[in-house]
């Protein structure tokens, strides 16, 4: 819904509880009834190479600032911003100098470009080209994206460099679905009670043999 609102130059409000309907809808109507600037366009200096994102600038509404990230190469001292306030045309020039430098500006620009590249898939962009562009930006700026991830590598040595190596068996887990008892010769947990049955049969056999011997002794005594 957020993307649908962006493509339609609108806004999106999430209502997760019926008790929030009145409050959320009041805020939404206040935003819709107060468009500060519509049809926004930015004109960059002709002598500078500029990459600005997002390419589709949303309308400026009350309480919802518009953020545009741009990378400039070459001379650029100001940018012209134009739009409409109601039925009247509006324009102004904004100075590009004098801003506060920050290390996160490049990451913000890269995130905006990645988001715009992924949005272009809904407009028929080539998936392979989009993927290559996202991967390149993710690797260059160390960002987690749909096609890139971060891997932590611990480079701390586990032993002093002059220490002797030791060999030994390392305990490992069996593959999924394997039974320890079955691999090493014991009956698995799900086996039948065959050992118990064999023991009972052996005891019954011994008892029968003892009774037979006792019966023979009794008969021999009667004959004598």
N, C-alpha and C. Protein backbone atom coordinates (compact mmCIF):
# COMPACT_ATOMS: atom_id res chain seq x y z
N UNK A 1 0.83 -1.20 0.00
CA UNK A 1 0.00 0.00 0.00
C UNK A 1 0.87 1.26 0.00
N UNK A 2 1.99 1.19 0.71
CA UNK A 2 2.88 2.34 0.72
C UNK A 2 3.41 2.63 -0.69
N UNK A 3 3.80 1.56 -1.42
CA UNK A 3 4.27 1.74 -2.79
C UNK A 3 3.17 2.23 -3.71
N UNK A 4 1.96 1.73 -3.51
CA UNK A 4 0.83 2.20 -4.34
C UNK A 4 0.60 3.69 -4.13
N UNK A 5 0.74 4.14 -2.88
CA UNK A 5 0.58 5.56 -2.60
C UNK A 5 1.69 6.38 -3.24
N UNK A 6 2.92 5.86 -3.23
CA UNK A 6 4.03 6.58 -3.85
C UNK A 6 3.83 6.71 -5.36
N UNK A 7 3.43 5.62 -6.01
CA UNK A 7 3.22 5.66 -7.45
C UNK A 7 2.05 6.56 -7.83
N UNK A 8 1.08 6.67 -6.95
CA UNK A 8 -0.09 7.50 -7.24
C UNK A 8 -0.03 8.89 -6.67
N UNK A 9 1.16 9.31 -6.20
CA UNK A 9 1.33 10.65 -5.60
C UNK A 9 0.36 10.85 -4.45
N UNK A 10 0.16 9.82 -3.65
CA UNK A 10 -0.74 9.92 -2.51
C UNK A 10 -0.02 9.63 -1.21
N UNK A 11 -0.79 9.25 -0.21
CA UNK A 11 -0.23 8.92 1.09
C UNK A 11 -0.94 7.69 1.64
N UNK A 12 -0.32 7.02 2.58
CA UNK A 12 -0.86 5.77 3.11
C UNK A 12 -0.91 5.84 4.63
N UNK A 13 -2.02 5.39 5.19
CA UNK A 13 -2.19 5.35 6.65
C UNK A 13 -2.62 3.95 7.05
N UNK A 14 -1.89 3.36 7.98
CA UNK A 14 -2.22 2.02 8.45
C UNK A 14 -3.04 2.11 9.73
N UNK A 15 -4.16 1.37 9.76
CA UNK A 15 -5.03 1.32 10.93
C UNK A 15 -5.03 -0.11 11.42
N UNK A 16 -4.40 -0.35 12.56
CA UNK A 16 -4.30 -1.69 13.10
C UNK A 16 -5.34 -2.03 14.14
N UNK A 17 -6.13 -1.06 14.56
CA UNK A 17 -7.14 -1.27 15.60
C UNK A 17 -8.34 -0.39 15.29
N UNK A 18 -9.53 -0.93 15.45
CA UNK A 18 -10.74 -0.15 15.15
C UNK A 18 -10.84 1.07 16.05
N UNK A 19 -10.20 1.03 17.21
CA UNK A 19 -10.24 2.19 18.10
C UNK A 19 -9.37 3.33 17.57
N UNK A 20 -8.56 3.08 16.55
CA UNK A 20 -7.69 4.10 15.99
C UNK A 20 -8.30 4.75 14.74
N UNK A 21 -9.47 4.29 14.32
CA UNK A 21 -10.04 4.76 13.05
C UNK A 21 -10.23 6.27 13.06
N UNK A 22 -10.87 6.80 14.10
CA UNK A 22 -11.17 8.23 14.13
C UNK A 22 -9.89 9.06 14.11
N UNK A 23 -8.91 8.68 14.94
CA UNK A 23 -7.66 9.44 15.03
C UNK A 23 -6.89 9.37 13.72
N UNK A 24 -6.75 8.15 13.17
CA UNK A 24 -5.98 7.99 11.95
C UNK A 24 -6.64 8.69 10.76
N UNK A 25 -7.95 8.56 10.64
CA UNK A 25 -8.64 9.18 9.51
C UNK A 25 -8.62 10.69 9.61
N UNK A 26 -8.67 11.22 10.82
CA UNK A 26 -8.58 12.66 11.00
C UNK A 26 -7.23 13.17 10.52
N UNK A 27 -6.16 12.44 10.88
CA UNK A 27 -4.83 12.82 10.42
C UNK A 27 -4.71 12.70 8.91
N UNK A 28 -5.31 11.65 8.33
CA UNK A 28 -5.23 11.44 6.89
C UNK A 28 -5.94 12.55 6.14
N UNK A 29 -7.15 12.91 6.58
CA UNK A 29 -7.89 13.97 5.90
C UNK A 29 -7.17 15.31 6.03
N UNK A 30 -6.51 15.53 7.17
CA UNK A 30 -5.76 16.78 7.34
C UNK A 30 -4.62 16.87 6.33
N UNK A 31 -3.98 15.72 6.07
CA UNK A 31 -2.90 15.71 5.09
C UNK A 31 -3.44 15.92 3.68
N UNK A 32 -4.52 15.20 3.34
CA UNK A 32 -5.07 15.30 1.99
C UNK A 32 -5.63 16.69 1.70
N UNK A 33 -6.12 17.35 2.73
CA UNK A 33 -6.70 18.67 2.53
C UNK A 33 -5.66 19.78 2.55
N UNK A 34 -4.39 19.41 2.80
CA UNK A 34 -3.36 20.45 2.92
C UNK A 34 -2.15 20.14 2.03
N UNK A 35 -2.37 19.99 0.72
CA UNK A 35 -1.20 19.81 -0.16
C UNK A 35 -0.44 21.13 -0.27
N UNK A 36 0.78 21.14 0.21
CA UNK A 36 1.56 22.38 0.18
C UNK A 36 2.08 22.65 -1.22
N UNK A 37 2.56 21.58 -1.90
CA UNK A 37 3.13 21.77 -3.22
C UNK A 37 2.91 20.49 -4.03
N UNK A 38 2.41 20.62 -5.25
CA UNK A 38 2.17 19.48 -6.12
C UNK A 38 2.97 19.65 -7.41
N UNK A 39 3.13 18.53 -8.13
CA UNK A 39 3.84 18.59 -9.41
C UNK A 39 5.25 19.10 -9.27
N UNK A 40 5.99 18.64 -8.29
CA UNK A 40 7.32 19.17 -8.00
C UNK A 40 8.32 18.70 -9.05
N UNK A 41 9.13 19.61 -9.52
CA UNK A 41 10.22 19.32 -10.45
C UNK A 41 11.47 20.05 -9.99
N UNK A 42 12.62 19.41 -10.19
CA UNK A 42 13.89 20.00 -9.79
C UNK A 42 14.77 20.15 -11.02
N UNK A 43 15.34 21.33 -11.21
CA UNK A 43 16.21 21.63 -12.35
C UNK A 43 17.62 21.85 -11.82
N UNK A 44 18.53 20.94 -12.20
CA UNK A 44 19.90 21.01 -11.72
C UNK A 44 20.76 21.80 -12.71
N UNK A 45 21.89 22.30 -12.25
CA UNK A 45 22.77 23.07 -13.15
C UNK A 45 23.17 22.25 -14.37
N UNK A 46 23.20 22.89 -15.53
CA UNK A 46 23.48 22.18 -16.78
C UNK A 46 24.91 21.68 -16.86
N UNK A 47 25.82 22.28 -16.14
CA UNK A 47 27.20 21.87 -16.22
C UNK A 47 27.59 20.76 -15.27
N UNK A 48 26.63 20.24 -14.51
CA UNK A 48 26.94 19.21 -13.51
C UNK A 48 26.27 17.90 -13.89
N UNK A 49 26.99 16.80 -13.61
CA UNK A 49 26.42 15.47 -13.79
C UNK A 49 25.70 15.09 -12.50
N UNK A 50 24.41 14.83 -12.60
CA UNK A 50 23.59 14.64 -11.41
C UNK A 50 22.84 13.32 -11.50
N UNK A 51 22.84 12.58 -10.38
CA UNK A 51 21.98 11.42 -10.21
C UNK A 51 21.12 11.68 -8.99
N UNK A 52 19.83 11.94 -9.20
CA UNK A 52 18.92 12.28 -8.11
C UNK A 52 17.84 11.21 -7.99
N UNK A 53 17.56 10.83 -6.76
CA UNK A 53 16.55 9.81 -6.48
C UNK A 53 15.65 10.27 -5.34
N UNK A 54 14.36 9.98 -5.39
CA UNK A 54 13.67 9.21 -6.42
C UNK A 54 13.41 10.05 -7.66
N UNK A 55 13.30 9.41 -8.82
CA UNK A 55 13.03 10.17 -10.04
C UNK A 55 11.63 10.77 -10.05
N UNK A 56 10.69 10.13 -9.38
CA UNK A 56 9.32 10.63 -9.29
C UNK A 56 9.15 11.29 -7.93
N UNK A 57 9.19 12.60 -7.89
CA UNK A 57 9.14 13.32 -6.62
C UNK A 57 7.69 13.39 -6.14
N UNK A 58 7.42 12.95 -4.91
CA UNK A 58 6.03 12.99 -4.43
C UNK A 58 5.59 14.40 -4.10
N UNK A 59 4.28 14.57 -3.95
CA UNK A 59 3.75 15.86 -3.56
C UNK A 59 4.14 16.17 -2.11
N UNK A 60 4.30 17.44 -1.84
CA UNK A 60 4.64 17.89 -0.50
C UNK A 60 3.35 18.19 0.25
N UNK A 61 3.11 17.44 1.33
CA UNK A 61 1.91 17.62 2.14
C UNK A 61 2.29 18.08 3.54
N UNK A 62 1.30 18.56 4.25
CA UNK A 62 1.51 19.08 5.60
C UNK A 62 2.02 17.97 6.52
N UNK A 63 3.16 18.20 7.15
CA UNK A 63 3.70 17.25 8.10
C UNK A 63 4.44 16.08 7.47
N UNK A 64 4.59 16.04 6.14
CA UNK A 64 5.28 14.95 5.47
C UNK A 64 6.36 15.53 4.56
N UNK A 65 7.58 15.67 5.07
CA UNK A 65 8.66 16.27 4.26
C UNK A 65 9.05 15.38 3.09
N UNK A 66 9.54 15.99 2.05
CA UNK A 66 10.03 15.29 0.87
C UNK A 66 11.55 15.32 0.89
N UNK A 67 12.17 14.14 0.72
CA UNK A 67 13.63 14.02 0.74
C UNK A 67 14.10 13.54 -0.62
N UNK A 68 15.01 14.27 -1.23
CA UNK A 68 15.61 13.90 -2.50
C UNK A 68 17.11 13.77 -2.29
N UNK A 69 17.67 12.63 -2.68
CA UNK A 69 19.11 12.40 -2.54
C UNK A 69 19.75 12.50 -3.92
N UNK A 70 20.84 13.26 -3.99
CA UNK A 70 21.49 13.48 -5.29
C UNK A 70 23.00 13.40 -5.14
N UNK A 71 23.64 12.87 -6.19
CA UNK A 71 25.11 12.87 -6.28
C UNK A 71 25.49 13.76 -7.45
N UNK A 72 26.31 14.74 -7.17
CA UNK A 72 26.68 15.73 -8.18
C UNK A 72 28.17 15.66 -8.46
N UNK A 73 28.51 15.81 -9.72
CA UNK A 73 29.90 15.90 -10.16
C UNK A 73 30.01 17.11 -11.08
N UNK A 74 30.86 18.05 -10.71
CA UNK A 74 31.00 19.25 -11.50
C UNK A 74 30.48 20.47 -10.74
N UNK A 75 30.56 21.63 -11.35
CA UNK A 75 30.14 22.86 -10.67
C UNK A 75 28.62 22.89 -10.48
N UNK A 76 28.20 23.14 -9.26
CA UNK A 76 26.77 23.23 -8.95
C UNK A 76 26.63 24.06 -7.70
N UNK A 77 26.00 25.22 -7.82
CA UNK A 77 25.84 26.09 -6.67
C UNK A 77 24.40 26.19 -6.20
N UNK A 78 23.43 25.86 -7.09
CA UNK A 78 22.05 25.91 -6.67
C UNK A 78 21.19 25.02 -7.56
N UNK A 79 19.99 24.73 -7.08
CA UNK A 79 19.02 23.93 -7.81
C UNK A 79 17.69 24.66 -7.80
N UNK A 80 16.99 24.62 -8.91
CA UNK A 80 15.69 25.29 -9.02
C UNK A 80 14.58 24.27 -8.73
N UNK A 81 13.67 24.63 -7.87
CA UNK A 81 12.55 23.78 -7.50
C UNK A 81 11.26 24.47 -7.93
N UNK A 82 10.44 23.75 -8.69
CA UNK A 82 9.18 24.32 -9.19
C UNK A 82 8.04 23.39 -8.86
N UNK A 83 6.85 23.96 -8.76
CA UNK A 83 5.65 23.18 -8.48
C UNK A 83 4.44 24.08 -8.53
N UNK A 84 3.35 23.61 -8.00
CA UNK A 84 2.11 24.38 -7.99
C UNK A 84 1.55 24.42 -6.57
N UNK A 85 1.20 25.62 -6.15
CA UNK A 85 0.52 25.81 -4.87
C UNK A 85 -0.93 26.14 -5.18
N UNK A 86 -1.76 25.09 -5.09
CA UNK A 86 -3.14 25.26 -5.53
C UNK A 86 -3.18 25.41 -7.02
N UNK A 87 -3.68 26.53 -7.51
CA UNK A 87 -3.75 26.78 -8.95
C UNK A 87 -2.64 27.71 -9.43
N UNK A 88 -1.74 28.10 -8.53
CA UNK A 88 -0.69 29.04 -8.88
C UNK A 88 0.66 28.32 -9.02
N UNK A 89 1.43 28.77 -10.00
CA UNK A 89 2.77 28.23 -10.19
C UNK A 89 3.69 28.79 -9.12
N UNK A 90 4.64 27.96 -8.70
CA UNK A 90 5.58 28.37 -7.64
C UNK A 90 6.97 27.87 -8.00
N UNK A 91 7.96 28.71 -7.76
CA UNK A 91 9.34 28.31 -8.03
C UNK A 91 10.27 29.02 -7.08
N UNK A 92 11.41 28.37 -6.83
CA UNK A 92 12.42 28.96 -5.96
C UNK A 92 13.77 28.35 -6.30
N UNK A 93 14.82 29.00 -5.88
CA UNK A 93 16.18 28.51 -6.06
C UNK A 93 16.77 28.19 -4.70
N UNK A 94 17.34 27.01 -4.57
CA UNK A 94 17.90 26.56 -3.31
C UNK A 94 19.40 26.42 -3.46
N UNK A 95 20.15 27.03 -2.53
CA UNK A 95 21.60 26.97 -2.57
C UNK A 95 22.07 25.58 -2.16
N UNK A 96 23.08 25.07 -2.85
CA UNK A 96 23.64 23.76 -2.54
C UNK A 96 24.87 23.86 -1.64
N UNK A 97 25.40 25.05 -1.49
CA UNK A 97 26.57 25.23 -0.63
C UNK A 97 26.12 25.57 0.78
N UNK A 98 27.03 25.33 1.71
CA UNK A 98 26.72 25.69 3.09
C UNK A 98 26.08 24.58 3.90
N UNK A 99 25.84 23.43 3.27
CA UNK A 99 25.26 22.33 4.01
C UNK A 99 26.27 21.66 4.93
N UNK A 100 25.78 20.91 5.87
CA UNK A 100 26.68 20.22 6.80
C UNK A 100 27.12 18.90 6.21
N UNK A 101 28.42 18.64 6.12
CA UNK A 101 28.89 17.36 5.56
C UNK A 101 28.60 16.22 6.53
N UNK A 102 28.42 15.03 5.97
CA UNK A 102 28.15 13.85 6.78
C UNK A 102 28.56 12.59 6.04
N UNK A 103 29.10 11.62 6.79
CA UNK A 103 29.57 10.38 6.16
C UNK A 103 28.40 9.52 5.69
N UNK A 104 27.21 9.71 6.23
CA UNK A 104 26.09 8.86 5.85
C UNK A 104 25.34 9.33 4.63
N UNK A 105 25.74 10.47 4.05
CA UNK A 105 25.01 10.99 2.89
C UNK A 105 25.09 10.04 1.70
N UNK A 106 26.27 9.45 1.49
CA UNK A 106 26.43 8.54 0.35
C UNK A 106 25.59 7.29 0.53
N UNK A 107 25.49 6.80 1.77
CA UNK A 107 24.67 5.61 2.03
C UNK A 107 23.20 5.93 1.80
N UNK A 108 22.77 7.11 2.23
CA UNK A 108 21.38 7.51 2.00
C UNK A 108 21.07 7.57 0.52
N UNK A 109 22.00 8.14 -0.26
CA UNK A 109 21.81 8.21 -1.71
C UNK A 109 21.74 6.80 -2.31
N UNK A 110 22.62 5.90 -1.87
CA UNK A 110 22.63 4.54 -2.40
C UNK A 110 21.33 3.81 -2.07
N UNK A 111 20.82 3.98 -0.86
CA UNK A 111 19.55 3.34 -0.48
C UNK A 111 18.42 3.84 -1.36
N UNK A 112 18.40 5.13 -1.62
CA UNK A 112 17.35 5.71 -2.47
C UNK A 112 17.44 5.16 -3.90
N UNK A 113 18.66 5.02 -4.40
CA UNK A 113 18.81 4.51 -5.76
C UNK A 113 18.40 3.04 -5.83
N UNK A 114 18.80 2.25 -4.82
CA UNK A 114 18.41 0.84 -4.80
C UNK A 114 16.89 0.70 -4.76
N UNK A 115 16.26 1.50 -3.94
CA UNK A 115 14.79 1.45 -3.86
C UNK A 115 14.15 1.81 -5.19
N UNK A 116 14.70 2.82 -5.86
CA UNK A 116 14.16 3.22 -7.16
C UNK A 116 14.41 2.15 -8.22
N UNK A 117 15.56 1.49 -8.17
CA UNK A 117 15.84 0.42 -9.12
C UNK A 117 14.86 -0.74 -8.95
N UNK A 118 14.59 -1.12 -7.71
CA UNK A 118 13.63 -2.21 -7.47
C UNK A 118 12.22 -1.80 -7.88
N UNK A 119 11.88 -0.52 -7.68
CA UNK A 119 10.55 -0.04 -8.11
C UNK A 119 10.42 -0.08 -9.63
N UNK A 120 11.53 0.09 -10.34
CA UNK A 120 11.47 0.11 -11.81
C UNK A 120 11.07 -1.24 -12.39
N UNK A 121 11.18 -2.32 -11.58
CA UNK A 121 10.74 -3.64 -12.07
C UNK A 121 9.25 -3.64 -12.37
N UNK A 122 8.48 -2.85 -11.64
CA UNK A 122 7.03 -2.76 -11.88
C UNK A 122 6.70 -1.97 -13.14
N UNK A 123 7.72 -1.32 -13.70
CA UNK A 123 7.51 -0.54 -14.92
C UNK A 123 8.14 -1.21 -16.13
N UNK A 124 8.55 -2.48 -15.98
CA UNK A 124 9.08 -3.23 -17.10
C UNK A 124 10.58 -3.20 -17.27
N UNK A 125 11.32 -2.80 -16.24
CA UNK A 125 12.78 -2.77 -16.36
C UNK A 125 13.33 -4.19 -16.45
N UNK A 126 14.52 -4.33 -17.04
CA UNK A 126 15.17 -5.62 -17.21
C UNK A 126 15.61 -6.15 -15.83
N UNK A 127 15.11 -7.31 -15.38
CA UNK A 127 15.48 -7.82 -14.06
C UNK A 127 16.98 -8.05 -13.89
N UNK A 128 17.67 -8.51 -14.94
CA UNK A 128 19.11 -8.75 -14.84
C UNK A 128 19.88 -7.45 -14.63
N UNK A 129 19.51 -6.41 -15.37
CA UNK A 129 20.18 -5.13 -15.21
C UNK A 129 19.91 -4.53 -13.84
N UNK A 130 18.68 -4.67 -13.36
CA UNK A 130 18.35 -4.15 -12.03
C UNK A 130 19.15 -4.90 -10.97
N UNK A 131 19.24 -6.21 -11.12
CA UNK A 131 19.99 -7.01 -10.13
C UNK A 131 21.46 -6.61 -10.12
N UNK A 132 22.06 -6.43 -11.29
CA UNK A 132 23.47 -6.03 -11.35
C UNK A 132 23.68 -4.67 -10.70
N UNK A 133 22.75 -3.74 -10.94
CA UNK A 133 22.87 -2.42 -10.33
C UNK A 133 22.73 -2.47 -8.82
N UNK A 134 21.80 -3.27 -8.32
CA UNK A 134 21.59 -3.39 -6.87
C UNK A 134 22.80 -4.04 -6.21
N UNK A 135 23.33 -5.10 -6.84
CA UNK A 135 24.50 -5.79 -6.28
C UNK A 135 25.70 -4.84 -6.23
N UNK A 136 25.93 -4.08 -7.29
CA UNK A 136 27.06 -3.16 -7.32
C UNK A 136 26.96 -2.11 -6.22
N UNK A 137 25.76 -1.55 -6.03
CA UNK A 137 25.57 -0.54 -4.98
C UNK A 137 25.70 -1.16 -3.60
N UNK A 138 25.15 -2.36 -3.42
CA UNK A 138 25.22 -3.01 -2.12
C UNK A 138 26.65 -3.31 -1.72
N UNK A 139 27.46 -3.77 -2.68
CA UNK A 139 28.86 -4.08 -2.37
C UNK A 139 29.68 -2.82 -2.14
N UNK A 140 29.42 -1.79 -2.93
CA UNK A 140 30.20 -0.56 -2.81
C UNK A 140 29.94 0.16 -1.48
N UNK A 141 28.68 0.16 -1.05
CA UNK A 141 28.30 0.90 0.16
C UNK A 141 28.02 -0.01 1.36
N UNK A 142 28.31 -1.31 1.21
CA UNK A 142 28.14 -2.28 2.31
C UNK A 142 26.71 -2.25 2.86
N UNK A 143 25.76 -2.49 1.96
CA UNK A 143 24.35 -2.46 2.32
C UNK A 143 23.73 -3.84 2.15
N UNK A 144 22.80 -4.16 3.02
CA UNK A 144 22.01 -5.39 2.88
C UNK A 144 20.83 -5.08 1.96
N UNK A 145 20.74 -5.81 0.86
CA UNK A 145 19.67 -5.60 -0.10
C UNK A 145 19.01 -6.94 -0.42
N UNK A 146 18.14 -6.92 -1.39
CA UNK A 146 17.47 -8.14 -1.83
C UNK A 146 18.46 -9.14 -2.40
N UNK A 147 19.58 -8.65 -2.93
CA UNK A 147 20.56 -9.52 -3.59
C UNK A 147 21.92 -9.54 -2.89
N UNK A 148 22.08 -8.84 -1.79
CA UNK A 148 23.37 -8.83 -1.09
C UNK A 148 23.14 -9.01 0.40
N UNK A 149 24.12 -9.60 1.08
CA UNK A 149 24.09 -9.79 2.52
C UNK A 149 25.46 -9.45 3.08
N UNK A 150 25.51 -9.26 4.39
CA UNK A 150 26.76 -8.99 5.07
C UNK A 150 27.21 -10.23 5.81
N UNK A 151 28.50 -10.53 5.74
CA UNK A 151 29.09 -11.68 6.43
C UNK A 151 30.16 -11.16 7.38
N UNK A 152 30.05 -11.51 8.66
CA UNK A 152 31.04 -11.10 9.65
C UNK A 152 32.17 -12.13 9.70
N UNK A 153 33.39 -11.67 9.56
CA UNK A 153 34.57 -12.54 9.58
C UNK A 153 35.43 -12.14 10.77
N UNK A 154 35.64 -13.08 11.69
CA UNK A 154 36.47 -12.84 12.86
C UNK A 154 37.93 -13.12 12.51
N UNK A 155 38.75 -12.08 12.50
CA UNK A 155 40.16 -12.23 12.13
C UNK A 155 41.04 -12.34 13.37
N UNK A 156 40.45 -12.45 14.56
CA UNK A 156 41.23 -12.60 15.78
C UNK A 156 41.91 -13.96 15.80
N UNK A 157 43.25 -14.04 15.98
CA UNK A 157 43.92 -15.35 15.98
C UNK A 157 43.45 -16.18 17.18
N UNK A 158 43.25 -17.46 16.95
CA UNK A 158 42.78 -18.36 18.00
C UNK A 158 43.93 -18.91 18.84
N UNK A 159 45.16 -18.76 18.39
CA UNK A 159 46.32 -19.23 19.15
C UNK A 159 47.51 -18.35 18.80
N UNK A 160 48.50 -18.28 19.67
CA UNK A 160 49.71 -17.51 19.34
C UNK A 160 50.39 -18.09 18.11
N UNK A 161 51.05 -17.24 17.36
CA UNK A 161 51.69 -17.70 16.13
C UNK A 161 52.82 -18.67 16.35
N UNK A 162 53.49 -18.62 17.50
CA UNK A 162 54.61 -19.52 17.76
C UNK A 162 54.20 -20.79 18.50
N UNK A 163 52.91 -20.98 18.75
CA UNK A 163 52.45 -22.17 19.47
C UNK A 163 52.40 -23.36 18.52
N UNK A 164 52.68 -24.56 19.09
CA UNK A 164 52.64 -25.79 18.30
C UNK A 164 51.19 -26.17 17.99
N UNK A 165 51.03 -26.79 16.84
CA UNK A 165 49.71 -27.27 16.46
C UNK A 165 49.42 -28.60 17.15
N UNK A 166 48.18 -28.81 17.48
CA UNK A 166 47.75 -30.06 18.09
C UNK A 166 46.63 -30.66 17.24
N UNK A 167 46.68 -31.96 17.11
CA UNK A 167 45.65 -32.65 16.35
C UNK A 167 44.74 -33.39 17.31
N UNK A 168 43.50 -33.55 16.91
CA UNK A 168 42.54 -34.26 17.75
C UNK A 168 41.22 -34.38 17.05
N UNK A 169 40.42 -35.30 17.55
CA UNK A 169 39.09 -35.50 16.97
C UNK A 169 38.17 -34.36 17.40
N UNK A 170 37.46 -33.85 16.47
CA UNK A 170 36.52 -32.76 16.72
C UNK A 170 35.11 -33.34 16.69
N UNK A 171 34.35 -33.21 17.77
CA UNK A 171 32.99 -33.75 17.76
C UNK A 171 32.10 -32.98 16.79
N UNK A 172 31.36 -33.73 16.03
CA UNK A 172 30.44 -33.13 15.07
C UNK A 172 29.08 -33.79 15.18
N UNK A 173 28.10 -33.13 14.66
CA UNK A 173 26.75 -33.68 14.65
C UNK A 173 26.56 -34.59 13.44
N UNK A 174 25.73 -35.60 13.61
CA UNK A 174 25.39 -36.47 12.50
C UNK A 174 24.48 -35.74 11.51
N UNK A 175 24.46 -36.18 10.27
CA UNK A 175 23.54 -35.57 9.31
C UNK A 175 22.09 -35.69 9.78
N UNK A 176 21.28 -34.77 9.31
CA UNK A 176 19.87 -34.75 9.71
C UNK A 176 19.18 -36.07 9.33
N UNK A 177 18.48 -36.66 10.30
CA UNK A 177 17.77 -37.90 10.05
C UNK A 177 18.52 -39.14 10.45
N UNK A 178 19.81 -39.01 10.77
CA UNK A 178 20.61 -40.18 11.18
C UNK A 178 20.41 -40.45 12.67
N UNK A 179 20.57 -41.73 13.05
CA UNK A 179 20.44 -42.15 14.44
C UNK A 179 21.82 -42.56 14.97
N UNK A 180 22.21 -42.00 16.11
CA UNK A 180 23.51 -42.32 16.70
C UNK A 180 23.61 -43.81 17.02
N UNK A 181 22.55 -44.39 17.60
CA UNK A 181 22.58 -45.80 17.98
C UNK A 181 22.68 -46.70 16.75
N UNK A 182 21.98 -46.32 15.69
CA UNK A 182 22.02 -47.14 14.48
C UNK A 182 23.40 -47.11 13.83
N UNK A 183 24.05 -45.96 13.88
CA UNK A 183 25.36 -45.84 13.25
C UNK A 183 26.42 -46.60 14.03
N UNK A 184 26.34 -46.57 15.36
CA UNK A 184 27.38 -47.18 16.19
C UNK A 184 26.97 -48.53 16.78
N UNK A 185 25.94 -49.18 16.22
CA UNK A 185 25.66 -50.57 16.54
C UNK A 185 24.59 -50.83 17.56
N UNK A 186 24.10 -49.84 18.26
CA UNK A 186 23.04 -50.07 19.23
C UNK A 186 21.69 -49.99 18.53
N UNK A 187 20.70 -50.61 19.18
CA UNK A 187 19.35 -50.55 18.62
C UNK A 187 18.82 -49.13 18.74
N UNK A 188 18.14 -48.64 17.75
CA UNK A 188 17.60 -47.28 17.83
C UNK A 188 16.48 -47.18 18.84
N UNK A 189 16.14 -45.96 19.18
CA UNK A 189 15.09 -45.72 20.16
C UNK A 189 13.74 -46.26 19.71
N UNK A 190 13.54 -46.35 18.41
CA UNK A 190 12.23 -46.78 17.90
C UNK A 190 12.19 -48.28 17.60
N UNK A 191 13.23 -49.08 18.05
CA UNK A 191 13.25 -50.51 17.75
C UNK A 191 12.20 -51.24 18.60
N UNK A 192 11.90 -52.51 18.21
CA UNK A 192 10.93 -53.32 18.96
C UNK A 192 11.58 -53.84 20.25
N UNK A 193 10.78 -54.48 21.11
CA UNK A 193 11.28 -55.02 22.39
C UNK A 193 11.79 -56.44 22.22
N UNK A 194 12.51 -56.73 21.14
CA UNK A 194 13.00 -58.08 20.88
C UNK A 194 13.95 -58.57 21.97
N UNK A 195 14.89 -57.76 22.49
CA UNK A 195 15.75 -58.27 23.57
C UNK A 195 14.97 -58.69 24.81
N UNK A 196 13.96 -57.93 25.16
CA UNK A 196 13.14 -58.28 26.32
C UNK A 196 12.41 -59.60 26.10
N UNK A 197 11.86 -59.74 24.88
CA UNK A 197 11.15 -60.98 24.57
C UNK A 197 12.10 -62.18 24.63
N UNK A 198 13.33 -62.02 24.15
CA UNK A 198 14.30 -63.13 24.19
C UNK A 198 14.65 -63.50 25.63
N UNK A 199 14.79 -62.50 26.49
CA UNK A 199 15.09 -62.76 27.90
C UNK A 199 13.96 -63.51 28.59
N UNK A 200 12.73 -63.10 28.31
CA UNK A 200 11.57 -63.78 28.91
C UNK A 200 11.50 -65.23 28.44
N UNK A 201 11.77 -65.45 27.15
CA UNK A 201 11.73 -66.82 26.62
C UNK A 201 12.80 -67.68 27.27
N UNK A 202 14.00 -67.11 27.50
CA UNK A 202 15.08 -67.86 28.14
C UNK A 202 14.71 -68.23 29.58
N UNK A 203 14.12 -67.29 30.30
CA UNK A 203 13.71 -67.58 31.67
C UNK A 203 12.62 -68.65 31.71
N UNK A 204 11.68 -68.60 30.76
CA UNK A 204 10.62 -69.62 30.71
C UNK A 204 11.21 -70.99 30.41
N UNK A 205 12.22 -71.01 29.51
CA UNK A 205 12.87 -72.29 29.18
C UNK A 205 13.57 -72.88 30.41
N UNK A 206 14.29 -72.04 31.15
CA UNK A 206 14.97 -72.52 32.35
C UNK A 206 13.98 -73.01 33.41
N UNK A 207 12.86 -72.29 33.54
CA UNK A 207 11.85 -72.71 34.51
C UNK A 207 11.25 -74.06 34.11
N UNK A 208 10.99 -74.25 32.82
CA UNK A 208 10.43 -75.52 32.35
C UNK A 208 11.42 -76.66 32.58
N UNK A 209 12.72 -76.39 32.33
CA UNK A 209 13.73 -77.43 32.54
C UNK A 209 13.82 -77.81 34.01
N UNK A 210 13.74 -76.79 34.91
CA UNK A 210 13.81 -77.08 36.34
C UNK A 210 12.61 -77.90 36.78
N UNK A 211 11.42 -77.59 36.27
CA UNK A 211 10.22 -78.35 36.63
C UNK A 211 10.31 -79.78 36.13
N UNK A 212 10.87 -79.94 34.92
CA UNK A 212 10.98 -81.31 34.37
C UNK A 212 11.94 -82.15 35.21
N UNK A 213 13.06 -81.53 35.62
CA UNK A 213 14.01 -82.26 36.44
C UNK A 213 13.41 -82.61 37.81
N UNK A 214 12.65 -81.67 38.36
CA UNK A 214 12.00 -81.94 39.66
C UNK A 214 10.98 -83.07 39.52
N UNK A 215 10.27 -83.11 38.40
CA UNK A 215 9.27 -84.17 38.19
C UNK A 215 9.94 -85.52 38.06
N UNK A 216 11.08 -85.56 37.34
CA UNK A 216 11.80 -86.83 37.19
C UNK A 216 12.31 -87.32 38.56
N UNK A 217 12.80 -86.41 39.37
CA UNK A 217 13.30 -86.81 40.69
C UNK A 217 12.18 -87.36 41.56
N UNK A 218 11.00 -86.75 41.45
CA UNK A 218 9.85 -87.23 42.25
C UNK A 218 9.43 -88.61 41.82
N UNK A 219 9.40 -88.87 40.51
CA UNK A 219 9.00 -90.22 40.03
C UNK A 219 10.03 -91.28 40.43
N UNK A 220 11.30 -90.93 40.37
CA UNK A 220 12.34 -91.89 40.76
C UNK A 220 12.21 -92.24 42.24
N UNK A 221 11.84 -91.29 43.06
CA UNK A 221 11.65 -91.56 44.47
C UNK A 221 10.46 -92.46 44.74
N UNK A 222 9.38 -92.29 43.97
CA UNK A 222 8.20 -93.12 44.15
C UNK A 222 8.51 -94.57 43.80
N UNK A 223 9.29 -94.86 42.73
CA UNK A 223 9.61 -96.22 42.33
C UNK A 223 10.51 -96.90 43.37
N UNK A 224 11.40 -96.10 43.97
CA UNK A 224 12.28 -96.74 44.96
C UNK A 224 11.50 -97.04 46.24
